Protein backbone atom coordinates (compact mmCIF):
# COMPACT_ATOMS: atom_id res chain seq x y z
CA MET A 1 -40.31 121.16 74.70
CA LEU A 2 -42.88 119.58 72.39
CA LYS A 3 -44.14 116.25 73.67
CA PRO A 4 -43.32 113.41 71.22
CA TYR A 5 -46.89 113.01 70.00
CA LYS A 6 -47.28 116.75 69.55
CA PHE A 7 -43.97 116.95 67.74
CA LYS A 8 -45.01 114.20 65.33
CA ARG A 9 -48.32 115.95 64.69
CA TRP A 10 -46.52 119.26 64.07
CA TYR A 11 -43.91 117.60 61.87
CA ALA A 12 -46.57 115.89 59.74
CA ALA A 13 -48.47 119.16 59.37
CA SER A 14 -45.33 121.10 58.48
CA SER A 15 -44.28 118.44 55.99
CA LEU A 16 -47.71 118.74 54.38
CA ILE A 17 -47.27 122.51 54.13
CA LEU A 18 -44.02 122.05 52.24
CA VAL A 19 -45.47 119.31 50.03
CA LEU A 20 -48.38 121.59 49.17
CA ALA A 21 -45.92 124.36 48.41
CA LEU A 22 -44.05 122.01 46.12
CA ALA A 23 -47.28 121.12 44.38
CA GLY A 24 -48.36 124.74 44.13
CA CYS A 25 -45.04 125.95 42.78
CA GLY A 26 -44.32 122.91 40.66
CA GLY A 27 -45.50 124.40 37.41
CA ASN A 28 -44.53 128.04 37.83
CA LYS A 29 -44.03 129.74 34.51
CA PRO A 30 -43.98 133.47 33.84
CA ALA A 31 -47.43 134.80 33.13
CA ALA A 32 -48.15 136.12 29.68
CA GLY A 33 -47.97 139.86 29.19
CA ASN A 34 -45.44 142.61 29.80
CA ALA A 35 -42.32 141.87 31.82
CA GLU A 36 -43.41 144.32 34.53
CA ASP A 37 -46.59 142.28 35.04
CA LYS A 38 -44.81 138.98 35.56
CA PRO A 39 -43.89 137.71 39.01
CA ILE A 40 -40.25 137.59 40.01
CA LEU A 41 -39.43 133.92 40.26
CA ILE A 42 -36.99 132.72 42.93
CA GLY A 43 -35.93 129.08 42.96
CA MET A 44 -35.76 127.13 46.18
CA SER A 45 -33.90 123.83 46.35
CA THR A 46 -34.68 121.99 49.56
CA GLU A 47 -35.29 118.60 51.18
CA ALA A 48 -39.00 118.05 51.75
CA THR A 49 -38.43 114.34 52.30
CA GLY A 50 -35.77 112.34 54.12
CA ASP A 51 -34.13 112.63 57.53
CA ASN A 52 -33.26 116.30 56.96
CA ALA A 53 -36.82 117.35 56.25
CA MET A 54 -37.45 119.03 59.61
CA ASN A 55 -34.49 121.37 59.28
CA SER A 56 -35.36 122.05 55.65
CA ILE A 57 -38.92 122.91 56.62
CA ASN A 58 -37.56 125.57 58.98
CA LEU A 59 -35.44 126.93 56.15
CA TYR A 60 -38.42 127.00 53.80
CA GLN A 61 -40.61 128.67 56.41
CA GLY A 62 -38.05 131.40 57.04
CA VAL A 63 -37.86 132.11 53.32
CA GLN A 64 -41.66 132.12 53.02
CA VAL A 65 -41.95 134.76 55.77
CA ALA A 66 -39.52 136.93 53.78
CA VAL A 67 -41.59 136.46 50.61
CA ASP A 68 -44.80 137.37 52.45
CA GLN A 69 -43.27 140.51 53.93
CA ILE A 70 -41.90 141.68 50.58
CA ASN A 71 -45.16 141.03 48.76
CA ALA A 72 -47.17 142.80 51.46
CA LYS A 73 -45.11 145.92 50.71
CA GLY A 74 -45.88 145.72 47.01
CA GLY A 75 -43.21 143.28 45.88
CA ILE A 76 -40.00 144.28 44.09
CA HIS A 77 -40.16 146.89 41.31
CA GLY A 78 -43.92 146.55 41.62
CA ARG A 79 -43.83 142.82 40.90
CA GLN A 80 -44.81 140.04 43.30
CA VAL A 81 -42.26 137.42 44.30
CA GLU A 82 -43.06 133.73 43.78
CA LEU A 83 -41.06 130.74 44.99
CA VAL A 84 -40.37 127.83 42.66
CA VAL A 85 -39.82 125.09 45.25
CA ARG A 86 -38.15 121.80 44.37
CA ASP A 87 -37.47 118.77 46.55
CA THR A 88 -34.00 117.23 46.07
CA GLU A 89 -35.07 114.17 48.08
CA GLN A 90 -31.47 114.25 49.41
CA ASN A 91 -30.38 112.94 46.02
CA PRO A 92 -27.36 114.70 44.42
CA THR A 93 -28.41 113.66 40.90
CA ARG A 94 -31.86 115.14 41.41
CA GLY A 95 -30.26 118.22 42.96
CA ILE A 96 -28.22 118.75 39.80
CA SER A 97 -31.33 118.37 37.65
CA ILE A 98 -33.11 121.01 39.74
CA ILE A 99 -30.31 123.52 39.18
CA ARG A 100 -30.43 122.81 35.43
CA ASP A 101 -34.18 123.44 35.46
CA PHE A 102 -33.76 126.68 37.42
CA GLY A 103 -31.13 127.84 34.97
CA GLN A 104 -32.74 126.82 31.69
CA LYS A 105 -36.49 126.31 32.13
CA GLU A 106 -37.87 128.17 35.11
CA GLU A 107 -36.47 131.63 34.33
CA VAL A 108 -35.61 132.29 37.98
CA LEU A 109 -33.62 135.43 38.72
CA GLY A 110 -31.90 133.74 41.63
CA ALA A 111 -32.33 130.89 44.08
CA ILE A 112 -31.86 129.86 47.68
CA GLY A 113 -31.50 126.58 49.57
CA GLY A 114 -28.66 124.24 50.29
CA PHE A 115 -29.46 122.43 53.52
CA TYR A 116 -28.17 118.95 52.68
CA SER A 117 -24.45 119.44 52.15
CA THR A 118 -23.90 116.32 50.02
CA VAL A 119 -26.43 117.66 47.51
CA MET A 120 -25.10 121.22 47.75
CA LEU A 121 -21.60 120.04 46.87
CA ALA A 122 -22.99 118.43 43.71
CA GLN A 123 -25.04 121.50 42.84
CA SER A 124 -22.32 124.14 43.28
CA PRO A 125 -20.37 123.51 40.04
CA ILE A 126 -23.66 123.33 38.12
CA ILE A 127 -24.66 126.74 39.51
CA LEU A 128 -21.31 127.96 38.17
CA GLU A 129 -22.25 126.63 34.74
CA GLU A 130 -25.82 127.97 34.76
CA LYS A 131 -24.72 131.37 36.08
CA PHE A 132 -27.43 132.61 38.42
CA PRO A 133 -27.01 133.87 42.02
CA PHE A 134 -27.71 131.21 44.64
CA ILE A 135 -27.93 131.86 48.39
CA VAL A 136 -26.52 128.92 50.36
CA ALA A 137 -28.55 129.28 53.54
CA THR A 138 -27.38 126.33 55.61
CA SER A 139 -24.84 123.95 54.01
CA ASN A 140 -21.66 124.29 56.07
CA VAL A 141 -19.15 122.88 53.57
CA PRO A 142 -16.67 125.65 52.67
CA ALA A 143 -16.28 124.47 49.07
CA SER A 144 -19.95 125.12 48.28
CA VAL A 145 -19.22 128.86 48.35
CA GLU A 146 -15.44 129.16 48.31
CA SER A 147 -12.96 127.64 45.83
CA GLY A 148 -13.83 129.70 42.76
CA MET A 149 -17.62 129.67 43.12
CA PRO A 150 -18.59 133.22 42.06
CA TRP A 151 -22.35 132.60 41.86
CA THR A 152 -22.96 131.16 45.35
CA PHE A 153 -23.32 133.39 48.41
CA GLY A 154 -23.30 131.98 51.92
CA VAL A 155 -25.63 133.03 54.70
CA ARG A 156 -24.68 129.85 56.48
CA MET A 157 -22.33 128.68 59.21
CA ASN A 158 -19.16 127.99 57.19
CA ALA A 159 -17.51 124.96 58.82
CA ASN A 160 -14.11 126.69 58.89
CA VAL A 161 -15.51 129.71 60.74
CA THR A 162 -17.57 127.48 63.05
CA ALA A 163 -14.50 125.46 64.00
CA GLN A 164 -12.58 128.61 64.90
CA TYR A 165 -15.48 129.85 67.02
CA ALA A 166 -15.97 126.46 68.69
CA LEU A 167 -12.27 126.03 69.45
CA LYS A 168 -12.11 129.42 71.14
CA PHE A 169 -15.28 128.62 73.09
CA ILE A 170 -13.81 125.30 74.27
CA ASN A 171 -10.49 126.89 75.22
CA ASP A 172 -12.25 129.69 77.12
CA HIS A 173 -14.72 127.57 79.07
CA PHE A 174 -13.30 124.03 79.20
CA PRO A 175 -9.56 124.69 79.08
CA THR A 176 -8.44 121.62 77.15
CA ASP A 177 -6.94 120.68 73.83
CA LYS A 178 -8.14 117.07 74.02
CA ILE A 179 -10.98 117.16 71.53
CA ALA A 180 -12.61 114.17 69.83
CA ILE A 181 -14.59 114.66 66.62
CA LEU A 182 -17.65 112.47 66.04
CA HIS A 183 -19.46 113.12 62.78
CA GLU A 184 -21.97 111.74 60.31
CA ASN A 185 -20.39 110.46 57.10
CA GLY A 186 -22.05 112.90 54.67
CA GLY A 187 -20.92 116.30 53.48
CA TYR A 188 -22.12 118.06 56.65
CA GLY A 189 -20.14 115.92 59.07
CA LYS A 190 -17.07 115.50 56.86
CA GLY A 191 -16.87 119.26 56.35
CA ALA A 192 -17.02 119.89 60.09
CA ALA A 193 -14.43 117.21 60.85
CA ALA A 194 -12.00 118.57 58.27
CA ALA A 195 -12.47 122.12 59.51
CA MET A 196 -11.87 121.28 63.19
CA THR A 197 -8.87 119.11 62.31
CA LYS A 198 -7.45 122.05 60.35
CA ALA A 199 -8.14 124.49 63.21
CA LEU A 200 -6.33 122.22 65.65
CA GLU A 201 -3.41 121.70 63.27
CA GLU A 202 -2.95 125.46 63.02
CA LYS A 203 -2.27 125.38 66.76
CA GLY A 204 0.09 122.43 66.49
CA LEU A 205 -2.56 120.04 67.80
CA LYS A 206 -4.65 117.16 66.50
CA PRO A 207 -7.93 115.54 67.59
CA VAL A 208 -7.55 112.66 70.03
CA ALA A 209 -10.06 110.69 67.94
CA VAL A 210 -12.05 111.14 64.73
CA GLU A 211 -15.02 108.78 64.41
CA SER A 212 -17.80 108.69 61.83
CA PHE A 213 -21.25 107.11 61.64
CA ASP A 214 -24.13 106.69 59.22
CA ASN A 215 -26.74 109.10 60.52
CA ALA A 216 -29.60 107.29 58.76
CA LYS A 217 -28.69 103.75 59.83
CA ASP A 218 -26.41 103.57 62.88
CA LYS A 219 -28.12 103.43 66.25
CA ASP A 220 -25.38 101.91 68.37
CA MET A 221 -22.50 104.38 68.69
CA THR A 222 -20.74 102.52 71.49
CA ALA A 223 -17.62 101.73 69.46
CA GLN A 224 -17.15 105.30 68.25
CA VAL A 225 -17.74 106.77 71.69
CA ASN A 226 -15.45 104.26 73.35
CA HIS A 227 -12.61 105.18 70.97
CA ALA A 228 -13.07 108.83 71.94
CA LYS A 229 -13.09 107.92 75.62
CA GLU A 230 -9.98 105.75 75.32
CA GLY A 231 -8.26 108.56 73.42
CA GLY A 232 -8.62 110.78 76.48
CA ALA A 233 -11.16 113.19 75.02
CA GLU A 234 -12.29 115.94 77.36
CA VAL A 235 -14.71 117.54 74.87
CA ILE A 236 -16.65 116.04 71.94
CA TYR A 237 -17.19 118.07 68.79
CA LEU A 238 -20.36 116.39 67.54
CA PHE A 239 -21.71 116.80 64.01
CA GLY A 240 -24.52 114.37 63.34
CA GLN A 241 -28.14 115.18 62.63
CA GLY A 242 -30.69 115.02 65.43
CA ALA A 243 -31.38 111.40 66.22
CA GLY A 244 -27.81 110.36 65.35
CA ASN A 245 -26.53 112.71 68.02
CA GLY A 246 -29.08 111.29 70.42
CA TYR A 247 -27.65 107.81 69.90
CA VAL A 248 -24.20 109.18 70.71
CA LEU A 249 -25.62 110.47 74.00
CA GLN A 250 -27.10 107.04 74.70
CA ALA A 251 -23.73 105.39 74.08
CA MET A 252 -21.98 107.82 76.42
CA ASP A 253 -24.53 107.04 79.10
CA LYS A 254 -24.08 103.30 78.53
CA LEU A 255 -20.33 103.72 79.09
CA GLY A 256 -20.87 105.93 82.13
CA TRP A 257 -18.90 108.74 80.51
CA LYS A 258 -19.82 112.41 80.46
CA VAL A 259 -17.84 115.26 78.92
CA PRO A 260 -18.99 118.55 77.35
CA ILE A 261 -20.51 118.25 73.88
CA VAL A 262 -20.40 121.07 71.36
CA GLY A 263 -22.28 120.86 68.08
CA GLU A 264 -24.20 122.99 65.62
CA ASN A 265 -27.56 122.66 63.80
CA GLY A 266 -27.56 118.90 64.34
CA MET A 267 -27.52 119.47 68.10
CA ALA A 268 -30.38 121.96 67.80
CA ASN A 269 -32.55 119.41 66.03
CA LYS A 270 -35.49 118.12 68.08
CA GLY A 271 -34.37 114.59 67.26
CA VAL A 272 -31.63 115.02 69.87
CA GLN A 273 -34.34 115.40 72.50
CA GLU A 274 -36.52 112.63 71.10
CA VAL A 275 -33.71 110.05 71.27
CA GLY A 276 -31.39 111.44 73.92
CA GLN A 277 -34.17 112.87 76.11
CA ALA A 278 -32.72 113.99 79.47
CA LEU A 279 -29.22 113.11 78.28
CA ALA A 280 -29.32 116.17 76.02
CA GLU A 281 -29.40 118.44 79.06
CA GLY A 282 -26.34 120.68 79.14
CA THR A 283 -25.19 119.97 75.59
CA TYR A 284 -24.26 122.94 73.40
CA ALA A 285 -25.55 123.94 69.95
CA ILE A 286 -23.93 126.74 67.96
CA GLN A 287 -26.63 128.88 66.37
CA THR A 288 -27.04 132.26 64.72
CA ALA A 289 -30.33 133.03 66.48
CA ASN A 290 -32.40 131.84 69.42
CA PHE A 291 -36.18 132.24 69.54
CA ASN A 292 -36.76 130.92 73.05
CA VAL A 293 -35.72 134.31 74.43
CA GLU A 294 -37.06 137.83 74.06
CA GLN A 295 -35.94 139.35 70.77
CA THR A 296 -34.25 142.66 71.54
CA ARG A 297 -33.68 143.64 67.92
CA GLU A 298 -36.67 144.92 65.96
CA PRO A 299 -36.09 142.88 62.76
CA ALA A 300 -35.84 139.68 64.81
CA ALA A 301 -38.95 140.52 66.84
CA THR A 302 -40.96 141.28 63.68
CA PHE A 303 -39.74 138.08 62.02
CA LEU A 304 -40.72 135.97 65.02
CA GLU A 305 -44.14 137.61 65.25
CA ASP A 306 -44.84 137.00 61.56
CA PHE A 307 -43.43 133.46 61.65
CA THR A 308 -45.56 132.52 64.66
CA ALA A 309 -48.68 134.07 63.16
CA LYS A 310 -48.23 132.12 59.93
CA PHE A 311 -47.14 128.74 61.29
CA ASP A 312 -48.56 128.77 64.84
CA HIS A 313 -45.23 127.89 66.47
CA ILE A 314 -41.74 129.32 66.76
CA PRO A 315 -38.98 127.91 64.54
CA THR A 316 -37.71 124.56 65.76
CA THR A 317 -34.25 124.89 64.23
CA PHE A 318 -33.41 128.50 64.89
CA ALA A 319 -30.42 128.95 62.57
CA SER A 320 -32.17 127.38 59.57
CA ALA A 321 -35.14 129.73 59.82
CA ALA A 322 -33.07 132.83 60.55
CA GLN A 323 -30.54 132.17 57.80
CA GLY A 324 -33.27 131.35 55.31
CA TYR A 325 -35.01 134.63 56.08
CA ASP A 326 -31.90 136.80 56.05
CA GLY A 327 -30.54 135.09 52.94
CA ALA A 328 -33.81 135.63 51.08
CA MET A 329 -34.02 139.26 52.19
CA MET A 330 -30.46 139.94 51.02
CA LEU A 331 -31.31 138.47 47.61
CA PHE A 332 -34.50 140.55 47.43
CA GLN A 333 -32.60 143.69 48.42
CA ALA A 334 -30.05 143.00 45.69
CA ILE A 335 -32.84 142.64 43.11
CA GLU A 336 -34.44 145.85 44.38
CA ARG A 337 -31.14 147.70 43.95
CA THR A 338 -30.62 146.33 40.43
CA GLU A 339 -32.07 147.90 37.31
CA LEU A 340 -33.67 144.95 35.56
CA THR A 341 -33.63 144.91 31.76
CA GLY A 342 -35.74 141.86 30.99
CA ASN A 343 -32.70 140.08 29.61
CA LEU A 344 -32.42 137.13 32.00
CA LYS A 345 -28.70 136.53 31.47
CA LYS A 346 -27.80 140.19 31.99
CA ASP A 347 -30.15 140.58 34.97
CA ARG A 348 -28.73 137.55 36.76
CA GLU A 349 -25.21 138.86 36.37
CA ALA A 350 -26.25 142.34 37.46
CA ILE A 351 -27.84 140.92 40.62
CA LYS A 352 -24.65 138.95 41.34
CA ASN A 353 -22.64 142.15 40.96
CA THR A 354 -25.02 144.00 43.27
CA LEU A 355 -24.64 141.32 45.93
CA GLU A 356 -20.86 141.66 45.70
CA SER A 357 -20.51 145.43 45.64
CA ASN A 358 -23.75 147.36 46.06
CA LEU A 359 -26.01 145.45 48.44
CA GLY A 360 -25.68 148.20 51.01
CA SER A 361 -26.56 147.95 54.67
CA TYR A 362 -29.02 145.32 55.79
CA SER A 363 -30.53 144.87 59.25
CA GLY A 364 -31.53 141.24 59.70
CA VAL A 365 -32.66 138.66 62.20
CA ILE A 366 -29.08 137.58 62.88
CA LYS A 367 -27.36 140.98 62.97
CA ASP A 368 -26.71 144.21 61.06
CA TRP A 369 -24.44 144.22 58.02
CA ASP A 370 -22.85 147.21 56.29
CA GLN A 371 -22.03 145.15 53.19
CA ALA A 372 -22.59 141.44 53.69
CA PHE A 373 -20.50 140.31 50.71
CA THR A 374 -17.52 141.44 48.70
CA LYS A 375 -16.06 140.11 45.48
CA GLU A 376 -13.39 138.36 47.54
CA ASN A 377 -15.70 137.11 50.33
CA HIS A 378 -19.06 135.50 49.62
CA ASP A 379 -19.72 134.40 53.22
CA ALA A 380 -21.85 136.78 55.28
CA ILE A 381 -21.61 134.85 58.55
CA ASP A 382 -18.47 135.45 60.62
CA VAL A 383 -17.50 134.56 64.20
CA ASN A 384 -19.40 137.63 65.44
CA SER A 385 -22.63 136.19 64.02
CA TYR A 386 -22.67 133.16 66.33
CA LEU A 387 -24.70 132.58 69.46
CA MET A 388 -23.98 129.64 71.73
CA SER A 389 -27.12 127.87 72.90
CA ILE A 390 -27.59 125.10 75.45
CA TRP A 391 -30.31 122.53 76.16
CA LYS A 392 -31.87 123.36 79.52
CA ASP A 393 -35.12 121.89 80.90
CA GLY A 394 -36.03 120.62 77.44
CA LYS A 395 -35.51 123.97 75.71
CA LEU A 396 -32.66 125.32 73.65
CA VAL A 397 -31.80 128.61 75.36
CA VAL A 398 -28.96 131.10 75.15
CA SER A 399 -25.99 129.88 77.15
CA ASP A 400 -24.41 131.96 79.89
CA LYS A 401 -21.13 130.99 78.24
CA GLN A 402 -20.43 132.81 74.99
């Protein structure tokens, strides 16, 4: 585990890297000359500022490793790949403007991003209007990819799929149907709460309590936790971000109450450790990768080696980095398998069609895919993509329970 002062130093340095990337990519325009001489521009919509910045930095870093690897091999169709990085500042209005710019000004062939779910929900219908392929690498809200969104492709943990996986995990290892849902009040938490409620309803059940909190402001979660306790909860399904989850742990300790906690990326966030400290021990975080263990698959081992060499540390939010990398690589593979004409509108649609029907097999950090997407299914991550992790001795390691 990083000591607090080391974490802050790393976080500041990583934030600076992303800010510099934003500055460096801020004015990207195609170079003059023949189309084959121009770089292939890929948009990246992310959160370089705000309380989600750490997770977004991991996403950006995973994508950057993919870009470096592709360019080291000569690029795509002999052209280098460049990222056009934009900071949404966790602002849906700004997020919409970024998508408009990608679609109309930047001449990107495709884009990737989507960490902050509230922004991603606002961006999704605009992507539909602008008509370019967008890889949703982290936002868990089903509607950002489903519900008639033909231009978005998910390499993320869809909240509906996550709830099904988590419910089976709870039933297998903590045989109980008394589940309380505690969640932050943005798109991320609301999506998770709705998905778990739906999963329980399909079994004729309902949560014993559903409590929300403002992840950016609330520090005393005693009332929410007490409602879950009084409801008879035997497991908490927890979907806040980092520090917010840590305050939930503090409230549980204050009430002298301990039950298993199952979460996702928010529980993998270092903020859980910073606030909850030893109270985080034994809590579970659903991930799609874990980099605190030996990587037995060659693509994952190569990714980790390249990531560590570039950034001098392993990813701190495993799923964000892995999904960013695999999502970017799938987009690059689709472009590689598409005959580009130079007509931006036609090329964007052709890449979308390739993603849906001709992407082919891909061996990634998370797993191997024969065909990650179909026209009917734009979510690559299924229940077989998940890996349950647990906080142990200050590290997030693979759990013995899967």
